[in-house]
Amino acid sequence: MTRIIVHGCNGKMGQVITGLVKEDEHAQIVAGIDTYKGIHNEYPVFDKMEECDVEADVIIDFSNASAIDGLLDYCAAHETPVVLCTTGLSEEQLQKVEKTAEKAAVLKSANMSLGINMLMKLLKEAAQVLAPAGFDVELVERHHNQKVDAPSGTALALADSVNEALGNVYAYNFDRSKERKKRGKNEIGIAAVRGGTIVGEHEVIFAGADEVIEFKHTAYSKAVFAKGAVEAAKFLKGKPAGKYGMNDVIQF
């Protein structure tokens, strides 16, 4: 049995995780962290991570960037593994993640879904074939109108997959309206769309001479991310300090 603390338990993702774990015989939520108390849970909820006195095997984080520092301090001090799903972290916070991983197991992923992680693998293979043949790479991501970061962490991770496969030769262009000139040869354009209740849609376009190849992933429910996070938590239980990713959880 994996004992889980949900950091951000009363947010949308926290509640999806709560419902999933309730039906999982191999996991149990023993506590939650959230300043909002308008939702009744079957486990105790604390305002801050440092106030929690419940022992757990792993923490799942779906909160916001402002709450990450306290979470990382707690994990380092207690050597508690954490599945870190919050995006939009500052450079200072990313450095703190690295330091925390020296004392506790940290699994960080821009996207927890099986489909997205498979897509990253496919993009690396496609880029090694198509980019040398002169194909341009563009990326369009679409999310709901409540999402605050743009581009999404997943969009950047997909672009990174292409870039890393080719030796990090690309620069990212987030806004072509600022300059009137032809696209650069070594650039990836990333466009963000925000509207309605779109859960998440990512499209990677390889555009060559007279042909276009498109890779697309659409999430119709937040449950795909929550399920991946729960599986990651069960994987991380008992793991030594260090950095982990969904590629460690999912063996392709």
C-alpha atoms as a PDB file:
ATOM      1  CA  MET A   1       0.000   0.000   0.000  1.00  0.00           C
ATOM      2  CA  THR A   2       1.402   3.383  -1.013  1.00  0.00           C
ATOM      3  CA  ARG A   3       0.506   6.163   1.424  1.00  0.00           C
ATOM      4  CA  ILE A   4       0.053   9.450  -0.439  1.00  0.00           C
ATOM      5  CA  ILE A   5      -0.177  13.120   0.549  1.00  0.00           C
ATOM      6  CA  VAL A   6      -1.842  15.263  -2.124  1.00  0.00           C
ATOM      7  CA  HIS A   7      -0.354  18.759  -2.282  1.00  0.00           C
ATOM      8  CA  GLY A   8      -3.157  20.876  -3.733  1.00  0.00           C
ATOM      9  CA  CYS A   9      -5.842  18.350  -2.821  1.00  0.00           C
ATOM     10  CA  ASN A  10      -8.820  20.662  -3.287  1.00  0.00           C
ATOM     11  CA  GLY A  11      -7.871  21.835  -6.753  1.00  0.00           C
ATOM     12  CA  LYS A  12      -9.353  20.220  -9.853  1.00  0.00           C
ATOM     13  CA  MET A  13      -6.503  17.749 -10.295  1.00  0.00           C
ATOM     14  CA  GLY A  14      -6.306  17.054  -6.577  1.00  0.00           C
ATOM     15  CA  GLN A  15      -9.944  16.020  -6.537  1.00  0.00           C
ATOM     16  CA  VAL A  16      -9.535  13.818  -9.612  1.00  0.00           C
ATOM     17  CA  ILE A  17      -6.641  12.070  -7.858  1.00  0.00           C
ATOM     18  CA  THR A  18      -8.752  11.695  -4.720  1.00  0.00           C
ATOM     19  CA  GLY A  19     -11.433   9.881  -6.720  1.00  0.00           C
ATOM     20  CA  LEU A  20      -8.955   7.631  -8.507  1.00  0.00           C
ATOM     21  CA  VAL A  21      -7.063   6.592  -5.371  1.00  0.00           C
ATOM     22  CA  LYS A  22     -10.347   5.805  -3.621  1.00  0.00           C
ATOM     23  CA  GLU A  23     -10.812   3.000  -6.163  1.00  0.00           C
ATOM     24  CA  ASP A  24      -7.171   1.849  -6.064  1.00  0.00           C
ATOM     25  CA  GLU A  25      -6.512  -1.020  -3.670  1.00  0.00           C
ATOM     26  CA  HIS A  26      -2.758  -0.396  -3.813  1.00  0.00           C
ATOM     27  CA  ALA A  27      -2.803   3.267  -2.768  1.00  0.00           C
ATOM     28  CA  GLN A  28      -4.307   5.436  -0.033  1.00  0.00           C
ATOM     29  CA  ILE A  29      -4.438   9.191   0.511  1.00  0.00           C
ATOM     30  CA  VAL A  30      -3.503   9.835   4.143  1.00  0.00           C
ATOM     31  CA  ALA A  31      -3.503  13.658   4.073  1.00  0.00           C
ATOM     32  CA  GLY A  32      -3.959  16.680   1.859  1.00  0.00           C
ATOM     33  CA  ILE A  33      -2.508  20.189   1.691  1.00  0.00           C
ATOM     34  CA  ASP A  34      -4.667  23.111   0.614  1.00  0.00           C
ATOM     35  CA  THR A  35      -5.616  26.560   1.910  1.00  0.00           C
ATOM     36  CA  TYR A  36      -9.134  26.144   0.516  1.00  0.00           C
ATOM     37  CA  LYS A  37     -11.371  24.182   2.883  1.00  0.00           C
ATOM     38  CA  GLY A  38     -14.661  24.316   1.003  1.00  0.00           C
ATOM     39  CA  ILE A  39     -14.487  20.636   0.041  1.00  0.00           C
ATOM     40  CA  HIS A  40     -15.010  17.717   2.419  1.00  0.00           C
ATOM     41  CA  ASN A  41     -12.421  14.948   2.146  1.00  0.00           C
ATOM     42  CA  GLU A  42     -12.101  11.632   3.931  1.00  0.00           C
ATOM     43  CA  TYR A  43      -8.561  12.562   5.007  1.00  0.00           C
ATOM     44  CA  PRO A  44      -7.179  15.473   7.082  1.00  0.00           C
ATOM     45  CA  VAL A  45      -6.271  18.657   5.184  1.00  0.00           C
ATOM     46  CA  PHE A  46      -3.567  21.069   6.336  1.00  0.00           C
ATOM     47  CA  ASP A  47      -2.923  24.654   5.222  1.00  0.00           C
ATOM     48  CA  LYS A  48       0.806  24.175   4.656  1.00  0.00           C
ATOM     49  CA  MET A  49       3.157  21.285   4.104  1.00  0.00           C
ATOM     50  CA  GLU A  50       5.156  22.098   7.238  1.00  0.00           C
ATOM     51  CA  GLU A  51       1.998  21.759   9.363  1.00  0.00           C
ATOM     52  CA  CYS A  52       1.389  18.163   8.225  1.00  0.00           C
ATOM     53  CA  ASP A  53       2.233  15.573  10.879  1.00  0.00           C
ATOM     54  CA  VAL A  54       1.001  12.532   8.926  1.00  0.00           C
ATOM     55  CA  GLU A  55       3.572  10.033   7.675  1.00  0.00           C
ATOM     56  CA  ALA A  56       3.467   9.153   3.989  1.00  0.00           C
ATOM     57  CA  ASP A  57       5.489   7.253   1.394  1.00  0.00           C
ATOM     58  CA  VAL A  58       5.215   9.913  -1.313  1.00  0.00           C
ATOM     59  CA  ILE A  59       3.691  13.298  -2.098  1.00  0.00           C
ATOM     60  CA  ILE A  60       1.795  14.101  -5.310  1.00  0.00           C
ATOM     61  CA  ASP A  61       1.915  17.803  -6.152  1.00  0.00           C
ATOM     62  CA  PHE A  62      -0.666  19.538  -8.314  1.00  0.00           C
ATOM     63  CA  SER A  63      -0.617  23.009  -6.759  1.00  0.00           C
ATOM     64  CA  ASN A  64       0.902  26.267  -8.025  1.00  0.00           C
ATOM     65  CA  ALA A  65       4.364  27.751  -8.305  1.00  0.00           C
ATOM     66  CA  SER A  66       3.963  29.919  -5.194  1.00  0.00           C
ATOM     67  CA  ALA A  67       3.594  26.809  -3.006  1.00  0.00           C
ATOM     68  CA  ILE A  68       6.555  24.873  -4.384  1.00  0.00           C
ATOM     69  CA  ASP A  69       9.328  26.287  -2.189  1.00  0.00           C
ATOM     70  CA  GLY A  70       7.701  25.116   1.027  1.00  0.00           C
ATOM     71  CA  LEU A  71       7.016  21.713  -0.497  1.00  0.00           C
ATOM     72  CA  LEU A  72      10.621  21.239  -1.609  1.00  0.00           C
ATOM     73  CA  ASP A  73      11.923  22.326   1.807  1.00  0.00           C
ATOM     74  CA  TYR A  74       9.709  19.701   3.454  1.00  0.00           C
ATOM     75  CA  CYS A  75      10.741  16.923   1.064  1.00  0.00           C
ATOM     76  CA  ALA A  76      14.442  17.664   1.542  1.00  0.00           C
ATOM     77  CA  ALA A  77      14.142  17.832   5.326  1.00  0.00           C
ATOM     78  CA  HIS A  78      12.079  14.613   5.617  1.00  0.00           C
ATOM     79  CA  GLU A  79      13.614  12.836   2.588  1.00  0.00           C
ATOM     80  CA  THR A  80      10.099  12.255   1.287  1.00  0.00           C
ATOM     81  CA  PRO A  81       9.713  11.345  -2.413  1.00  0.00           C
ATOM     82  CA  VAL A  82       7.589  13.731  -4.477  1.00  0.00           C
ATOM     83  CA  VAL A  83       5.813  13.565  -7.837  1.00  0.00           C
ATOM     84  CA  LEU A  84       6.133  17.179  -8.973  1.00  0.00           C
ATOM     85  CA  CYS A  85       3.465  18.080 -11.537  1.00  0.00           C
ATOM     86  CA  THR A  86       3.196  21.861 -11.114  1.00  0.00           C
ATOM     87  CA  THR A  87       4.456  23.788 -14.155  1.00  0.00           C
ATOM     88  CA  GLY A  88       5.576  27.378 -14.641  1.00  0.00           C
ATOM     89  CA  LEU A  89       8.433  27.179 -12.116  1.00  0.00           C
ATOM     90  CA  SER A  90      11.072  29.928 -12.032  1.00  0.00           C
ATOM     91  CA  GLU A  91      14.735  29.277 -12.726  1.00  0.00           C
ATOM     92  CA  GLU A  92      15.426  29.574  -9.009  1.00  0.00           C
ATOM     93  CA  GLN A  93      12.771  26.980  -8.244  1.00  0.00           C
ATOM     94  CA  LEU A  94      14.134  24.629 -10.903  1.00  0.00           C
ATOM     95  CA  GLN A  95      17.542  24.913  -9.267  1.00  0.00           C
ATOM     96  CA  LYS A  96      15.901  24.123  -5.934  1.00  0.00           C
ATOM     97  CA  VAL A  97      14.363  21.004  -7.482  1.00  0.00           C
ATOM     98  CA  GLU A  98      17.880  19.877  -8.410  1.00  0.00           C
ATOM     99  CA  LYS A  99      19.103  20.439  -4.844  1.00  0.00           C
ATOM    100  CA  THR A 100      16.091  18.625  -3.385  1.00  0.00           C
ATOM    101  CA  ALA A 101      16.808  15.608  -5.590  1.00  0.00           C
ATOM    102  CA  GLU A 102      20.119  15.231  -3.749  1.00  0.00           C
ATOM    103  CA  LYS A 103      18.180  14.358  -0.584  1.00  0.00           C
ATOM    104  CA  ALA A 104      14.898  12.890  -1.837  1.00  0.00           C
ATOM    105  CA  ALA A 105      13.482  11.140  -4.895  1.00  0.00           C
ATOM    106  CA  VAL A 106      11.919  13.722  -7.228  1.00  0.00           C
ATOM    107  CA  LEU A 107       9.856  12.743 -10.254  1.00  0.00           C
ATOM    108  CA  LYS A 108       9.203  15.786 -12.414  1.00  0.00           C
ATOM    109  CA  SER A 109       7.246  15.690 -15.641  1.00  0.00           C
ATOM    110  CA  ALA A 110       5.538  18.376 -17.681  1.00  0.00           C
ATOM    111  CA  ASN A 111       2.830  15.868 -18.534  1.00  0.00           C
ATOM    112  CA  MET A 112       1.912  12.636 -16.790  1.00  0.00           C
ATOM    113  CA  SER A 113      -0.080  10.940 -19.566  1.00  0.00           C
ATOM    114  CA  LEU A 114       1.063   7.759 -21.318  1.00  0.00           C
ATOM    115  CA  GLY A 115       0.151   9.226 -24.712  1.00  0.00           C
ATOM    116  CA  ILE A 116       2.255  12.372 -24.347  1.00  0.00           C
ATOM    117  CA  ASN A 117       5.275  10.432 -23.158  1.00  0.00           C
ATOM    118  CA  MET A 118       4.946   8.048 -26.101  1.00  0.00           C
ATOM    119  CA  LEU A 119       4.638  11.091 -28.389  1.00  0.00           C
ATOM    120  CA  MET A 120       7.934  12.477 -27.051  1.00  0.00           C
ATOM    121  CA  LYS A 121       9.646   9.237 -28.016  1.00  0.00           C
ATOM    122  CA  LEU A 122       8.129   9.285 -31.514  1.00  0.00           C
ATOM    123  CA  LEU A 123       9.104  12.932 -32.049  1.00  0.00           C
ATOM    124  CA  LYS A 124      12.753  12.187 -31.317  1.00  0.00           C
ATOM    125  CA  GLU A 125      12.759   9.473 -33.963  1.00  0.00           C
ATOM    126  CA  ALA A 126      10.868  11.618 -36.485  1.00  0.00           C
ATOM    127  CA  ALA A 127      13.126  14.627 -35.975  1.00  0.00           C
ATOM    128  CA  GLN A 128      16.274  12.629 -36.707  1.00  0.00           C
ATOM    129  CA  VAL A 129      14.852  11.669 -40.093  1.00  0.00           C
ATOM    130  CA  LEU A 130      12.850  14.732 -41.128  1.00  0.00           C
ATOM    131  CA  ALA A 131      14.962  17.669 -39.911  1.00  0.00           C
ATOM    132  CA  PRO A 132      18.035  16.710 -41.971  1.00  0.00           C
ATOM    133  CA  ALA A 133      15.688  16.438 -44.978  1.00  0.00           C
ATOM    134  CA  GLY A 134      14.781  20.121 -44.574  1.00  0.00           C
ATOM    135  CA  PHE A 135      11.461  19.885 -42.716  1.00  0.00           C
ATOM    136  CA  ASP A 136      10.484  22.894 -40.580  1.00  0.00           C
ATOM    137  CA  VAL A 137       9.067  22.226 -37.123  1.00  0.00           C
ATOM    138  CA  GLU A 138       6.095  24.111 -35.674  1.00  0.00           C
ATOM    139  CA  LEU A 139       4.022  23.456 -32.553  1.00  0.00           C
ATOM    140  CA  VAL A 140       0.507  24.584 -31.603  1.00  0.00           C
ATOM    141  CA  GLU A 141      -0.960  23.953 -28.159  1.00  0.00           C
ATOM    142  CA  ARG A 142      -4.522  24.614 -26.992  1.00  0.00           C
ATOM    143  CA  HIS A 143      -5.834  24.799 -23.422  1.00  0.00           C
ATOM    144  CA  HIS A 144      -8.796  26.114 -21.427  1.00  0.00           C
ATOM    145  CA  ASN A 145      -9.207  29.808 -20.682  1.00  0.00           C
ATOM    146  CA  GLN A 146      -8.198  29.408 -17.025  1.00  0.00           C
ATOM    147  CA  LYS A 147      -4.629  28.243 -17.729  1.00  0.00           C
ATOM    148  CA  VAL A 148      -2.162  30.927 -16.667  1.00  0.00           C
ATOM    149  CA  ASP A 149       1.142  29.761 -18.219  1.00  0.00           C
ATOM    150  CA  ALA A 150       1.798  29.941 -21.944  1.00  0.00           C
ATOM    151  CA  PRO A 151       3.206  28.060 -23.656  1.00  0.00           C
ATOM    152  CA  SER A 152       2.338  25.008 -21.613  1.00  0.00           C
ATOM    153  CA  GLY A 153       5.011  22.941 -19.910  1.00  0.00           C
ATOM    154  CA  THR A 154       4.024  20.046 -22.152  1.00  0.00           C
ATOM    155  CA  ALA A 155       4.533  22.142 -25.293  1.00  0.00           C
ATOM    156  CA  LEU A 156       8.032  23.039 -24.162  1.00  0.00           C
ATOM    157  CA  ALA A 157       8.759  19.394 -23.313  1.00  0.00           C
ATOM    158  CA  LEU A 158       7.660  18.309 -26.804  1.00  0.00           C
ATOM    159  CA  ALA A 159       9.829  20.988 -28.395  1.00  0.00           C
ATOM    160  CA  ASP A 160      12.722  19.907 -26.176  1.00  0.00           C
ATOM    161  CA  SER A 161      12.290  16.326 -27.374  1.00  0.00           C
ATOM    162  CA  VAL A 162      12.850  17.451 -30.955  1.00  0.00           C
ATOM    163  CA  ASN A 163      15.677  19.790 -30.006  1.00  0.00           C
ATOM    164  CA  GLU A 164      17.562  17.280 -27.880  1.00  0.00           C
ATOM    165  CA  ALA A 165      17.372  14.646 -30.619  1.00  0.00           C
ATOM    166  CA  LEU A 166      19.211  17.059 -32.941  1.00  0.00           C
ATOM    167  CA  GLY A 167      21.822  18.363 -30.509  1.00  0.00           C
ATOM    168  CA  ASN A 168      19.877  21.425 -29.257  1.00  0.00           C
ATOM    169  CA  VAL A 169      20.363  23.421 -32.467  1.00  0.00           C
ATOM    170  CA  TYR A 170      16.933  25.099 -32.429  1.00  0.00           C
ATOM    171  CA  ALA A 171      15.831  28.385 -30.900  1.00  0.00           C
ATOM    172  CA  TYR A 172      12.178  28.791 -29.872  1.00  0.00           C
ATOM    173  CA  ASN A 173      10.043  31.554 -31.357  1.00  0.00           C
ATOM    174  CA  PHE A 174       6.982  32.380 -29.260  1.00  0.00           C
ATOM    175  CA  ASP A 175       5.752  35.484 -31.093  1.00  0.00           C
ATOM    176  CA  ARG A 176       6.493  36.192 -34.754  1.00  0.00           C
ATOM    177  CA  SER A 177       4.387  39.382 -34.669  1.00  0.00           C
ATOM    178  CA  LYS A 178       7.338  41.231 -33.124  1.00  0.00           C
ATOM    179  CA  GLU A 179       9.512  40.888 -36.221  1.00  0.00           C
ATOM    180  CA  ARG A 180       8.714  41.003 -39.936  1.00  0.00           C
ATOM    181  CA  LYS A 181      11.077  38.523 -41.545  1.00  0.00           C
ATOM    182  CA  LYS A 182      11.148  34.954 -42.833  1.00  0.00           C
ATOM    183  CA  ARG A 183      11.347  32.156 -40.276  1.00  0.00           C
ATOM    184  CA  GLY A 184      14.817  31.142 -39.288  1.00  0.00           C
ATOM    185  CA  LYS A 185      16.126  27.788 -40.461  1.00  0.00           C
ATOM    186  CA  ASN A 186      16.944  26.626 -36.950  1.00  0.00           C
ATOM    187  CA  GLU A 187      13.842  27.636 -35.048  1.00  0.00           C
ATOM    188  CA  ILE A 188      10.689  26.029 -33.702  1.00  0.00           C
ATOM    189  CA  GLY A 189       7.599  28.203 -33.631  1.00  0.00           C
ATOM    190  CA  ILE A 190       5.377  27.609 -30.590  1.00  0.00           C
ATOM    191  CA  ALA A 191       1.858  29.076 -30.534  1.00  0.00           C
ATOM    192  CA  ALA A 192      -0.523  29.014 -27.556  1.00  0.00           C
ATOM    193  CA  VAL A 193      -4.333  29.079 -27.839  1.00  0.00           C
ATOM    194  CA  ARG A 194      -6.523  29.663 -24.765  1.00  0.00           C
ATOM    195  CA  GLY A 195     -10.283  29.210 -24.833  1.00  0.00           C
ATOM    196  CA  GLY A 196     -13.319  27.455 -23.430  1.00  0.00           C
ATOM    197  CA  THR A 197     -12.808  24.229 -21.538  1.00  0.00           C
ATOM    198  CA  ILE A 198     -10.152  22.583 -23.731  1.00  0.00           C
ATOM    199  CA  VAL A 199      -8.371  20.108 -21.459  1.00  0.00           C
ATOM    200  CA  GLY A 200      -5.220  19.919 -23.550  1.00  0.00           C
ATOM    201  CA  GLU A 201      -4.299  19.586 -27.201  1.00  0.00           C
ATOM    202  CA  HIS A 202      -0.804  19.531 -28.686  1.00  0.00           C
ATOM    203  CA  GLU A 203       0.046  19.408 -32.368  1.00  0.00           C
ATOM    204  CA  VAL A 204       3.586  19.105 -33.734  1.00  0.00           C
ATOM    205  CA  ILE A 205       3.965  19.873 -37.437  1.00  0.00           C
ATOM    206  CA  PHE A 206       6.859  18.803 -39.664  1.00  0.00           C
ATOM    207  CA  ALA A 207       6.453  20.867 -42.841  1.00  0.00           C
ATOM    208  CA  GLY A 208       8.596  19.986 -45.819  1.00  0.00           C
ATOM    209  CA  ALA A 209       8.543  20.708 -49.548  1.00  0.00           C
ATOM    210  CA  ASP A 210       5.119  19.602 -50.834  1.00  0.00           C
ATOM    211  CA  GLU A 211       4.317  17.424 -47.803  1.00  0.00           C
ATOM    212  CA  VAL A 212       3.358  17.844 -44.153  1.00  0.00           C
ATOM    213  CA  ILE A 213       3.471  15.320 -41.315  1.00  0.00           C
ATOM    214  CA  GLU A 214       1.503  16.056 -38.134  1.00  0.00           C
ATOM    215  CA  PHE A 215       1.638  14.458 -34.689  1.00  0.00           C
ATOM    216  CA  LYS A 216      -1.301  15.278 -32.438  1.00  0.00           C
ATOM    217  CA  HIS A 217      -2.375  14.393 -28.905  1.00  0.00           C
ATOM    218  CA  THR A 218      -5.730  15.354 -27.410  1.00  0.00           C
ATOM    219  CA  ALA A 219      -6.694  14.927 -23.766  1.00  0.00           C
ATOM    220  CA  TYR A 220     -10.454  14.755 -23.216  1.00  0.00           C
ATOM    221  CA  SER A 221     -10.272  14.488 -19.432  1.00  0.00           C
ATOM    222  CA  LYS A 222      -7.877  15.405 -16.623  1.00  0.00           C
ATOM    223  CA  ALA A 223      -8.107  11.783 -15.516  1.00  0.00           C
ATOM    224  CA  VAL A 224      -5.292  10.839 -17.943  1.00  0.00           C
ATOM    225  CA  PHE A 225      -2.893  13.085 -16.008  1.00  0.00           C
ATOM    226  CA  ALA A 226      -4.134  11.983 -12.587  1.00  0.00           C
ATOM    227  CA  LYS A 227      -3.800   8.299 -13.432  1.00  0.00           C
ATOM    228  CA  GLY A 228      -0.215   8.824 -14.546  1.00  0.00           C
ATOM    229  CA  ALA A 229       0.577  10.726 -11.336  1.00  0.00           C
ATOM    230  CA  VAL A 230      -0.809   7.945  -9.152  1.00  0.00           C
ATOM    231  CA  GLU A 231       1.190   5.321 -11.043  1.00  0.00           C
ATOM    232  CA  ALA A 232       4.273   7.502 -10.675  1.00  0.00           C
ATOM    233  CA  ALA A 233       3.683   7.769  -6.911  1.00  0.00           C
ATOM    234  CA  LYS A 234       3.488   3.997  -6.554  1.00  0.00           C
ATOM    235  CA  PHE A 235       6.684   3.666  -8.579  1.00  0.00           C
ATOM    236  CA  LEU A 236       8.517   6.284  -6.471  1.00  0.00           C
ATOM    237  CA  LYS A 237       7.773   4.648  -3.116  1.00  0.00           C
ATOM    238  CA  GLY A 238      11.035   3.599  -1.498  1.00  0.00           C
ATOM    239  CA  LYS A 239      13.215   4.945  -4.318  1.00  0.00           C
ATOM    240  CA  PRO A 240      16.575   6.517  -3.372  1.00  0.00           C
ATOM    241  CA  ALA A 241      17.266  10.233  -3.785  1.00  0.00           C
ATOM    242  CA  GLY A 242      17.634  11.383  -7.359  1.00  0.00           C
ATOM    243  CA  LYS A 243      15.740  12.705 -10.372  1.00  0.00           C
ATOM    244  CA  TYR A 244      13.207  10.518 -12.131  1.00  0.00           C
ATOM    245  CA  GLY A 245      10.871  10.932 -15.096  1.00  0.00           C
ATOM    246  CA  MET A 246       7.839   9.248 -16.593  1.00  0.00           C
ATOM    247  CA  ASN A 247      10.189   7.293 -18.845  1.00  0.00           C
ATOM    248  CA  ASP A 248      11.294   5.488 -15.664  1.00  0.00           C
ATOM    249  CA  VAL A 249       7.672   4.650 -14.813  1.00  0.00           C
ATOM    250  CA  ILE A 250       6.623   3.659 -18.324  1.00  0.00           C
ATOM    251  CA  GLN A 251       8.893   1.099 -19.950  1.00  0.00           C
ATOM    252  CA  PHE A 252       8.490   1.488 -23.709  1.00  0.00           C
END
